[in-house]
Protein backbone atom coordinates (compact mmCIF):
# COMPACT_ATOMS: atom_id res chain seq x y z
CA MET A 1 -56.47 -202.33 -69.31
CA LEU A 2 -57.70 -199.03 -70.28
CA ILE A 3 -57.34 -198.61 -74.13
CA LYS A 4 -59.02 -195.26 -74.29
CA PHE A 5 -60.56 -192.55 -72.15
CA ILE A 6 -62.71 -189.68 -73.59
CA CYS A 7 -64.10 -186.67 -71.41
CA GLN A 8 -65.58 -183.27 -72.02
CA ASN A 9 -66.78 -180.35 -69.36
CA ILE A 10 -65.14 -181.56 -66.41
CA TYR A 11 -62.57 -179.32 -64.09
CA SER A 12 -60.25 -177.80 -66.78
CA ILE A 13 -61.53 -179.69 -69.58
CA ASN A 14 -63.72 -178.03 -71.71
CA ASP A 15 -64.08 -179.64 -74.83
CA GLU A 16 -63.86 -183.36 -75.53
CA ILE A 17 -60.17 -184.85 -75.13
CA GLU A 18 -58.95 -188.50 -75.86
CA PHE A 19 -56.22 -190.39 -74.02
CA ARG A 20 -55.08 -193.66 -76.00
CA MET A 21 -53.53 -196.43 -74.87
CA PHE A 22 -53.67 -198.79 -78.08
CA LYS A 23 -50.42 -199.40 -79.81
CA SER A 24 -49.13 -197.18 -82.65
CA PRO A 25 -46.84 -198.76 -85.51
CA THR A 26 -43.64 -197.99 -83.60
CA ARG A 27 -41.51 -201.24 -83.31
CA VAL A 28 -39.45 -200.41 -80.44
CA LEU A 29 -39.61 -201.77 -76.59
CA LYS A 30 -41.61 -204.54 -77.68
CA ASN A 31 -41.68 -205.49 -73.61
CA HIS A 32 -44.36 -202.59 -73.26
CA VAL A 33 -46.78 -203.90 -75.14
CA TYR A 34 -49.55 -206.22 -74.29
CA ASN A 35 -50.82 -208.61 -76.75
CA SER A 36 -54.03 -209.93 -76.02
CA ASN A 37 -55.76 -213.13 -77.25
CA ASN A 38 -58.10 -210.94 -79.41
CA LYS A 39 -55.40 -209.36 -81.17
CA ILE A 40 -55.55 -206.14 -79.50
CA LYS A 41 -52.16 -204.72 -78.51
CA VAL A 42 -52.50 -202.28 -75.51
CA LEU A 43 -49.64 -200.23 -74.23
CA LYS A 44 -48.42 -200.94 -70.74
CA SER A 45 -47.32 -197.57 -69.67
CA ALA A 46 -47.75 -194.02 -70.04
CA ILE A 47 -46.19 -190.71 -68.73
CA MET A 48 -47.81 -187.27 -69.27
CA TYR A 49 -46.17 -183.86 -68.99
CA GLY A 50 -47.13 -180.19 -68.87
CA ALA A 51 -46.75 -176.99 -66.97
CA ASN A 52 -48.07 -176.38 -63.46
CA ALA A 53 -51.81 -175.69 -63.82
CA SER A 54 -52.03 -177.13 -67.24
CA GLY A 55 -54.85 -179.72 -66.29
CA LYS A 56 -52.70 -183.26 -65.54
CA THR A 57 -54.38 -183.54 -62.16
CA ASN A 58 -57.69 -182.67 -63.65
CA PHE A 59 -57.31 -185.38 -66.15
CA VAL A 60 -56.40 -187.85 -63.53
CA LYS A 61 -59.45 -186.55 -61.58
CA ALA A 62 -61.58 -186.83 -64.37
CA ILE A 63 -61.17 -190.56 -64.69
CA ASN A 64 -61.32 -190.76 -60.92
CA ILE A 65 -64.56 -188.96 -60.67
CA GLY A 66 -66.19 -190.90 -63.63
CA ARG A 67 -64.93 -194.31 -61.84
CA ASN A 68 -66.38 -193.18 -58.31
CA PHE A 69 -69.72 -191.84 -59.79
CA VAL A 70 -70.26 -195.69 -61.20
CA PHE A 71 -70.29 -196.97 -57.66
CA GLY A 72 -71.38 -193.84 -55.47
CA GLY A 73 -73.62 -192.03 -57.80
CA PRO A 74 -74.55 -188.55 -56.57
CA ASN A 75 -74.15 -187.27 -52.97
CA ASN A 76 -77.70 -185.46 -53.46
CA PRO A 77 -80.37 -187.96 -55.08
CA ASN A 78 -81.95 -185.04 -56.66
CA ARG A 79 -78.69 -183.32 -58.21
CA ILE A 80 -75.49 -184.08 -59.96
CA ASP A 81 -72.46 -182.00 -58.36
CA ILE A 82 -69.72 -182.37 -60.50
CA PRO A 83 -66.80 -180.08 -61.42
CA ILE A 84 -67.67 -178.73 -64.18
CA PHE A 85 -65.58 -176.15 -66.54
CA LYS A 86 -66.56 -172.88 -65.22
CA LEU A 87 -65.46 -170.88 -67.95
CA GLU A 88 -68.01 -172.44 -70.67
CA SER A 89 -70.51 -169.91 -71.99
CA ASP A 90 -73.11 -172.55 -72.86
CA GLU A 91 -74.25 -173.32 -69.42
CA ASN A 92 -76.44 -176.29 -70.62
CA LYS A 93 -73.21 -178.17 -72.03
CA ASN A 94 -73.45 -181.93 -70.87
CA SER A 95 -70.14 -183.78 -69.24
CA LEU A 96 -68.93 -186.94 -70.79
CA PHE A 97 -67.08 -189.80 -69.60
CA GLU A 98 -66.03 -192.94 -71.73
CA TYR A 99 -64.01 -195.77 -70.83
CA THR A 100 -62.70 -198.41 -73.42
CA PHE A 101 -60.95 -201.33 -71.70
CA LEU A 102 -59.84 -204.57 -71.76
CA SER A 103 -61.08 -207.26 -68.89
CA ASN A 104 -60.65 -210.84 -68.60
CA GLY A 105 -59.33 -211.00 -72.13
CA PHE A 106 -62.44 -208.67 -73.76
CA CYS A 107 -62.90 -205.50 -74.92
CA TYR A 108 -65.69 -202.88 -73.71
CA THR A 109 -66.40 -199.60 -73.91
CA TYR A 110 -68.76 -197.91 -70.97
CA GLY A 111 -69.66 -194.22 -70.95
CA TYR A 112 -72.38 -191.95 -69.87
CA GLU A 113 -73.12 -188.21 -70.36
CA LEU A 114 -74.92 -185.91 -68.11
CA ASN A 115 -75.64 -182.82 -66.50
CA GLN A 116 -76.70 -181.32 -62.90
CA LYS A 117 -79.98 -182.30 -63.59
CA LYS A 118 -79.84 -185.87 -64.52
CA VAL A 119 -78.08 -188.50 -66.57
CA ILE A 120 -78.77 -187.78 -70.52
CA LYS A 121 -77.40 -190.99 -71.87
CA GLU A 122 -75.69 -194.50 -70.69
CA TRP A 123 -74.30 -196.88 -72.78
CA CYS A 124 -72.42 -200.39 -72.66
CA TYR A 125 -70.93 -202.33 -75.52
CA LYS A 126 -68.70 -205.37 -76.10
CA LEU A 127 -66.51 -205.04 -78.53
CA THR A 128 -65.90 -207.72 -81.24
CA SER A 129 -64.18 -208.34 -84.18
CA LYS A 130 -66.98 -207.84 -86.18
CA LYS A 131 -68.99 -204.95 -84.96
CA PRO A 132 -69.72 -203.86 -81.19
CA LYS A 133 -72.35 -206.20 -79.18
CA LEU A 134 -74.69 -204.14 -77.70
CA LEU A 135 -75.02 -204.48 -73.48
CA PHE A 136 -77.37 -201.52 -72.87
CA GLU A 137 -78.34 -198.68 -73.61
CA ARG A 138 -80.09 -196.09 -71.15
CA GLU A 139 -81.59 -192.50 -72.22
CA THR A 140 -83.51 -190.15 -69.58
CA LEU A 141 -86.35 -188.92 -71.57
CA GLU A 142 -87.89 -185.01 -71.19
CA ASP A 143 -90.15 -186.23 -68.63
CA ASN A 144 -87.41 -187.82 -66.56
CA THR A 145 -88.89 -191.50 -67.33
CA ILE A 146 -85.89 -193.89 -68.23
CA SER A 147 -85.85 -195.90 -71.75
CA LEU A 148 -83.60 -199.09 -71.49
CA GLN A 149 -82.36 -200.80 -74.83
CA LYS A 150 -80.80 -203.94 -73.94
CA GLY A 151 -79.02 -207.13 -75.32
CA ASP A 152 -80.07 -210.39 -75.63
CA PHE A 153 -77.79 -211.75 -72.93
CA THR A 154 -80.71 -212.55 -70.47
CA GLU A 155 -81.81 -216.11 -70.51
CA THR A 156 -84.95 -216.44 -68.02
CA LYS A 157 -87.87 -214.40 -67.39
CA LYS A 158 -86.35 -214.16 -63.65
CA GLU A 159 -83.52 -212.33 -65.23
CA GLU A 160 -85.71 -210.08 -67.30
CA ASN A 161 -87.69 -209.56 -64.10
CA PHE A 162 -84.64 -208.54 -62.48
CA PHE A 163 -83.74 -206.11 -65.23
CA ASP A 164 -87.17 -204.40 -65.05
CA PHE A 165 -86.83 -203.64 -61.51
CA CYS A 166 -83.59 -202.38 -61.72
CA LEU A 167 -84.53 -199.96 -64.41
CA ASP A 168 -87.52 -198.93 -62.01
CA ALA A 169 -85.56 -198.32 -59.33
CA THR A 170 -82.69 -196.47 -61.27
CA ARG A 171 -83.42 -192.36 -60.50
CA PRO A 172 -83.11 -189.75 -63.54
CA THR A 173 -79.57 -188.88 -61.40
CA GLN A 174 -78.33 -192.21 -60.87
CA LEU A 175 -76.60 -194.90 -63.60
CA PHE A 176 -78.31 -197.87 -64.59
CA LEU A 177 -74.97 -199.77 -63.80
CA THR A 178 -74.81 -198.31 -60.47
CA THR A 179 -78.36 -199.98 -59.65
CA LEU A 180 -77.17 -203.09 -60.98
CA ILE A 181 -74.01 -202.94 -59.07
CA ASN A 182 -76.27 -202.05 -55.58
CA ASN A 183 -78.60 -205.00 -56.40
CA ASN A 184 -75.55 -207.65 -56.74
CA THR A 185 -76.08 -208.32 -60.60
CA LYS A 186 -74.36 -211.28 -61.97
CA HIS A 187 -73.92 -209.88 -65.11
CA PHE A 188 -71.14 -207.36 -66.63
CA GLY A 189 -68.68 -208.96 -63.87
CA ASP A 190 -65.82 -207.92 -66.29
CA ILE A 191 -66.78 -204.42 -66.39
CA ILE A 192 -67.35 -203.80 -62.98
CA SER A 193 -64.22 -205.70 -61.61
CA TRP A 194 -62.14 -203.49 -63.77
CA PHE A 195 -63.53 -200.74 -62.40
CA LYS A 196 -62.59 -201.92 -58.97
CA LYS A 197 -59.39 -202.74 -59.88
CA LEU A 198 -58.61 -199.39 -61.38
CA THR A 199 -56.40 -197.51 -58.66
CA ILE A 200 -55.36 -193.72 -58.41
CA ILE A 201 -52.55 -192.62 -56.74
CA TYR A 202 -52.10 -188.81 -55.54
CA PRO A 203 -49.35 -187.15 -53.79
CA GLU A 204 -51.34 -187.61 -50.60
CA SER A 205 -52.30 -191.02 -51.05
CA LYS A 206 -51.63 -193.59 -48.56
CA PHE A 207 -52.04 -196.84 -50.86
CA GLY A 208 -51.62 -200.27 -48.94
CA ASN A 209 -50.84 -200.73 -45.62
CA LEU A 210 -47.20 -201.39 -44.00
CA PHE A 211 -48.82 -203.18 -41.05
CA THR A 212 -50.68 -205.74 -43.14
CA ILE A 213 -47.37 -206.33 -45.60
CA ILE A 214 -44.97 -206.61 -42.36
CA ALA A 215 -47.31 -209.33 -40.73
CA ASP A 216 -47.30 -211.20 -43.75
CA ASN A 217 -43.75 -213.15 -43.87
CA ASN A 218 -44.14 -213.46 -47.68
CA PHE A 219 -45.34 -209.90 -48.45
CA TYR A 220 -42.66 -208.77 -46.22
CA GLN A 221 -39.82 -210.43 -47.83
CA SER A 222 -40.86 -209.22 -51.11
CA PHE A 223 -41.18 -205.66 -49.53
CA ILE A 224 -37.81 -205.48 -48.43
CA GLU A 225 -36.19 -207.21 -51.64
CA ILE A 226 -37.86 -204.24 -53.85
CA LEU A 227 -36.43 -201.53 -51.42
CA ASN A 228 -33.12 -203.22 -51.90
CA ASP A 229 -33.52 -203.35 -55.54
CA LEU A 230 -34.24 -199.68 -55.32
CA GLY A 231 -30.96 -198.91 -53.61
CA ILE A 232 -32.78 -198.11 -50.31
CA ASP A 233 -30.62 -199.17 -47.39
CA ILE A 234 -33.31 -200.03 -44.82
CA ASP A 235 -32.26 -203.42 -43.19
CA ASP A 236 -35.32 -204.49 -41.46
CA PHE A 237 -38.28 -202.98 -39.45
CA ASP A 238 -39.40 -202.82 -35.73
CA THR A 239 -42.58 -202.23 -33.62
CA LYS A 240 -43.01 -200.86 -30.09
CA LYS A 241 -46.31 -201.58 -28.63
CA GLY A 242 -48.33 -199.79 -25.75
CA SER A 243 -51.65 -198.40 -24.88
CA ILE A 244 -53.11 -195.10 -26.24
CA ASP A 245 -52.30 -193.26 -23.17
CA ASP A 246 -48.51 -193.64 -22.86
CA LYS A 247 -46.45 -190.78 -22.50
CA TRP A 248 -43.96 -191.98 -25.65
CA LEU A 249 -46.75 -191.72 -27.89
CA ASP A 250 -46.18 -188.44 -29.60
CA VAL A 251 -49.53 -187.77 -31.04
CA PRO A 252 -51.77 -184.48 -30.94
CA GLN A 253 -54.54 -184.94 -28.30
CA ASN A 254 -57.04 -184.29 -30.40
CA ILE A 255 -56.17 -187.16 -32.84
CA ILE A 256 -56.10 -189.30 -29.48
CA ASP A 257 -59.38 -188.20 -28.87
CA ASP A 258 -60.80 -189.11 -32.00
CA VAL A 259 -59.24 -192.31 -32.11
CA LYS A 260 -61.19 -193.24 -28.67
CA LYS A 261 -64.62 -191.72 -29.87
CA ASN A 262 -64.49 -193.51 -33.24
CA ILE A 263 -62.98 -196.79 -32.49
CA ILE A 264 -65.14 -200.05 -31.76
CA PRO A 265 -64.15 -203.56 -30.28
CA LYS A 266 -62.40 -205.87 -32.38
CA SER A 267 -61.55 -203.15 -35.04
CA SER A 268 -58.43 -201.24 -35.73
CA ILE A 269 -57.57 -198.02 -36.85
CA HIS A 270 -54.38 -197.30 -39.27
CA LEU A 271 -52.84 -193.87 -38.88
CA VAL A 272 -49.91 -191.97 -40.65
CA SER A 273 -49.52 -188.91 -38.58
CA SER A 274 -48.36 -185.25 -40.05
CA THR A 275 -44.79 -185.98 -38.69
CA GLY A 276 -44.77 -189.42 -40.56
CA GLN A 277 -45.36 -191.69 -37.85
CA TYR A 278 -46.81 -194.90 -38.98
CA LEU A 279 -49.39 -196.20 -36.07
CA ILE A 280 -52.12 -198.50 -35.52
CA PHE A 281 -54.95 -198.44 -32.57
CA SER A 282 -56.82 -201.45 -31.79
CA MET A 283 -59.45 -202.27 -29.18
CA SER A 284 -59.87 -205.53 -27.22
CA ASN A 285 -62.88 -206.96 -25.97
CA GLU A 286 -62.32 -205.31 -22.83
CA ASN A 287 -62.24 -201.75 -24.28
CA LYS A 288 -58.78 -201.58 -24.12
CA ILE A 289 -57.02 -199.57 -26.75
CA ASP A 290 -53.56 -200.71 -27.73
CA VAL A 291 -51.17 -198.98 -30.23
CA THR A 292 -48.33 -200.36 -32.33
CA LYS A 293 -45.61 -197.66 -33.92
CA LEU A 294 -43.60 -198.78 -36.80
CA TYR A 295 -39.73 -198.28 -36.92
CA THR A 296 -37.31 -198.72 -40.09
CA GLN A 297 -34.00 -200.40 -38.95
CA HIS A 298 -30.50 -199.54 -40.29
CA LEU A 299 -27.38 -201.68 -39.25
CA ASN A 300 -24.49 -199.73 -37.92
CA LEU A 301 -20.63 -200.85 -38.22
CA ASN A 302 -21.03 -203.72 -35.33
CA ASN A 303 -24.01 -205.11 -37.61
CA ASP A 304 -26.34 -204.23 -34.70
CA LYS A 305 -29.95 -203.17 -35.82
CA ILE A 306 -30.82 -199.64 -34.52
CA ASN A 307 -34.54 -198.02 -34.68
CA PHE A 308 -35.29 -194.98 -36.58
CA GLU A 309 -38.55 -192.99 -36.85
CA ILE A 310 -40.18 -193.05 -39.82
CA PHE A 311 -39.87 -189.40 -40.09
CA GLU A 312 -36.26 -189.66 -39.92
CA GLU A 313 -36.35 -190.97 -43.60
CA SER A 314 -35.95 -188.96 -46.40
CA ASP A 315 -38.73 -187.62 -48.13
CA GLY A 316 -38.22 -189.82 -51.19
CA THR A 317 -38.10 -193.29 -49.07
CA ARG A 318 -41.78 -192.43 -47.31
CA ARG A 319 -43.01 -191.74 -50.73
CA LEU A 320 -41.79 -195.34 -51.63
CA PHE A 321 -43.50 -196.76 -48.61
CA ASP A 322 -46.47 -195.27 -50.37
CA LEU A 323 -45.69 -196.55 -53.95
CA ILE A 324 -44.18 -200.24 -52.86
CA PRO A 325 -47.24 -201.85 -52.34
CA MET A 326 -48.70 -200.75 -55.46
CA LEU A 327 -45.32 -203.21 -57.07
CA LEU A 328 -46.32 -205.73 -54.77
CA ASN A 329 -49.96 -205.60 -56.50
CA PHE A 330 -48.20 -205.82 -59.78
CA LYS A 331 -46.59 -209.24 -58.72
CA ASN A 332 -49.47 -210.78 -57.60
CA SER A 333 -52.34 -209.63 -59.69
CA ASP A 334 -53.35 -207.69 -62.80
CA SER A 335 -54.56 -204.29 -62.42
CA VAL A 336 -53.99 -200.66 -63.27
CA PHE A 337 -52.68 -197.90 -61.65
CA ILE A 338 -52.68 -194.14 -62.36
CA VAL A 339 -50.07 -192.27 -60.09
CA ASP A 340 -50.30 -188.16 -60.09
CA GLU A 341 -46.81 -186.47 -59.36
CA PHE A 342 -45.08 -190.03 -59.85
CA ASP A 343 -41.75 -188.36 -59.65
CA ARG A 344 -42.49 -186.36 -56.23
CA SER A 345 -39.46 -186.40 -54.00
CA PHE A 346 -37.32 -188.95 -56.28
CA HIS A 347 -34.53 -189.22 -57.94
CA THR A 348 -34.57 -189.91 -61.63
CA ASN A 349 -32.85 -193.06 -61.43
CA LEU A 350 -35.27 -194.21 -58.61
CA SER A 351 -38.14 -192.94 -61.01
CA LYS A 352 -36.78 -195.29 -63.62
CA SER A 353 -35.79 -198.05 -61.58
CA ILE A 354 -39.75 -198.53 -60.46
CA PHE A 355 -40.82 -198.41 -64.13
CA ARG A 356 -38.27 -201.03 -64.99
CA LEU A 357 -39.34 -203.23 -61.95
CA PHE A 358 -42.76 -202.89 -63.12
CA TYR A 359 -41.85 -204.17 -66.56
CA LYS A 360 -39.91 -207.09 -64.62
CA TYR A 361 -42.77 -207.94 -62.61
CA THR A 362 -45.47 -207.72 -65.14
CA GLU A 363 -44.00 -209.10 -68.26
CA GLY A 364 -46.96 -211.05 -70.66
CA ARG A 365 -49.33 -209.82 -68.32
CA PRO A 366 -52.43 -207.29 -68.79
CA CYS A 367 -50.96 -204.47 -66.00
CA GLN A 368 -50.54 -200.59 -66.50
CA LEU A 369 -49.04 -197.96 -64.97
CA ILE A 370 -49.71 -194.21 -65.91
CA ALA A 371 -48.23 -191.37 -64.57
CA THR A 372 -47.92 -187.53 -64.60
CA THR A 373 -44.47 -185.93 -64.12
CA HIS A 374 -42.18 -183.07 -64.35
CA ASP A 375 -39.08 -184.88 -64.42
CA THR A 376 -37.84 -184.12 -68.19
CA ASN A 377 -34.77 -186.76 -67.60
CA LEU A 378 -37.84 -189.47 -68.03
CA MET A 379 -38.22 -188.32 -71.33
CA ASP A 380 -36.00 -190.20 -73.14
CA LEU A 381 -36.93 -192.89 -76.15
CA ASN A 382 -34.79 -195.35 -74.74
CA MET A 383 -36.81 -195.64 -71.89
CA PHE A 384 -40.12 -194.92 -73.35
CA ARG A 385 -41.80 -195.31 -76.86
CA ASN A 386 -43.09 -192.25 -78.46
CA ASP A 387 -46.61 -193.18 -78.02
CA GLU A 388 -46.13 -193.69 -74.50
CA ILE A 389 -45.15 -189.95 -73.92
CA TRP A 390 -48.16 -187.46 -73.65
CA TYR A 391 -48.53 -183.20 -73.22
CA VAL A 392 -50.96 -181.43 -71.60
CA LYS A 393 -51.24 -177.59 -71.87
CA LYS A 394 -53.91 -174.99 -71.70
CA ASN A 395 -55.38 -173.50 -75.41
CA SER A 396 -56.66 -169.82 -75.75
CA PHE A 397 -59.71 -170.49 -74.18
CA LYS A 398 -58.10 -171.80 -71.08
CA SER A 399 -59.05 -175.45 -71.66
CA THR A 400 -56.88 -178.58 -71.26
CA GLU A 401 -55.64 -180.06 -74.32
CA LEU A 402 -54.10 -183.33 -74.71
CA TYR A 403 -51.73 -185.05 -77.20
CA SER A 404 -48.88 -187.21 -77.43
CA LEU A 405 -45.31 -187.30 -78.88
CA TYR A 406 -46.18 -190.03 -81.41
CA GLU A 407 -48.23 -187.27 -83.40
CA PHE A 408 -45.00 -185.23 -84.37
CA SER A 409 -42.74 -187.85 -85.80
CA GLN A 410 -39.91 -187.43 -83.40
CA ARG A 411 -36.60 -188.80 -84.69
CA TYR A 412 -35.27 -191.13 -81.93
CA ASP A 413 -31.44 -189.88 -82.57
CA LYS A 414 -32.94 -186.47 -81.40
CA SER A 415 -33.03 -185.02 -78.20
CA LEU A 416 -36.50 -184.85 -76.73
CA VAL A 417 -35.96 -182.84 -73.41
CA LYS A 418 -34.10 -180.00 -75.66
CA ASP A 419 -36.95 -179.87 -77.98
CA TYR A 420 -39.28 -179.67 -75.33
CA LEU A 421 -38.16 -177.16 -73.20
CA ASN A 422 -37.87 -174.98 -76.69
CA GLY A 423 -41.52 -175.36 -76.67
CA ARG A 424 -41.72 -177.63 -79.98
CA PHE A 425 -44.21 -179.90 -78.15
CA GLY A 426 -45.64 -177.18 -76.35
CA ALA A 427 -46.83 -178.04 -72.53
CA VAL A 428 -44.02 -175.76 -70.92
CA PRO A 429 -44.52 -172.94 -68.86
CA GLU A 430 -44.19 -169.51 -70.68
CA ILE A 431 -43.06 -166.95 -68.28
CA ASN A 432 -42.71 -163.26 -69.40
CA ILE A 433 -39.62 -161.57 -67.39
CA ILE A 434 -39.80 -157.56 -68.06
CA GLU A 435 -36.56 -156.09 -67.85
CA GLU A 436 -36.43 -152.46 -66.70
């Protein structure tokens, strides 16, 4: 679970901002709080508001780019190309990413500071009730040599040699943790697994695979149950199979050509077309390319199942196809999801229902759902705690700022939406109308 995230000099974020998910003294909605064995109380959900171009998506991107850098490193081994805040006058200002999180019952802090030339510092601590326990600290010196201060967790000479090897293999532009991951370290499993479980969903993301879900009877039944729980009247799914060259397949020729070029024997390619068709292309040993197309089914008045194209379903239903796999994931494993533009194409009641199912499926478990939204109807203190509602705005220097409703001491019997739209919390568009 994410406890705290700090970043600076990334996209529209210039000065350091801090996003916190630890519980405040607020006593309502106790099922929104996870109580870990080490007595740390972490919020399970948060929603974030702000005007267009205020930096909500950039905040999500910052979390994602910081995570991706852990696993991938720079594309160019000699330079770190990160999207810094371009309006900063100090060209030497460093960028910063720091994650504090709960993983496997333990708390950790991992972070790093860098510029376009090198990783300046990198640190990793295990947080205890007494004082933080050092796992490692790395620093890149002026001559680009790397120094490492390591905790006392290694037990054998072989392990010491492994860390020395990884230190020598780490480039100035690369994280030490990345080198450890690339060399299959047996240490830091809690930290690495947490980053792997952190999932970001953007409006254009296609999380999960409907074909895989439908092929698994247990997942499929759960998928249909969730649709029904959310009031979506899809009764079943059907598939049509054929060859990639069949005339009924309404896919642009350039896409067909790309599939033929890139597919390999005993493999498959999953595709969601621009018109909303769900397709899977597979190649057999005989180099024959087959295609399977997915349909929804609705019952008519005679209780006959009628096939519908996926694109005939509403935008909101198709968006659900991207998010229901997330709910299935919450039912079966502990994970953290951050969803940008959560409410896109959704009715307010549907958005609320998704959160209610999230709380139901994850009761007593370390899971989180964090979302950006414009839907002010979700700004309801009967639905969310005041420490779960966040606001994003641009300051006078055009840099993104972040703050929580908890900081305003809002009364629970007052209208949040009215105060928000009246500008009490900031984070609303300022529109100047010139009357002639």
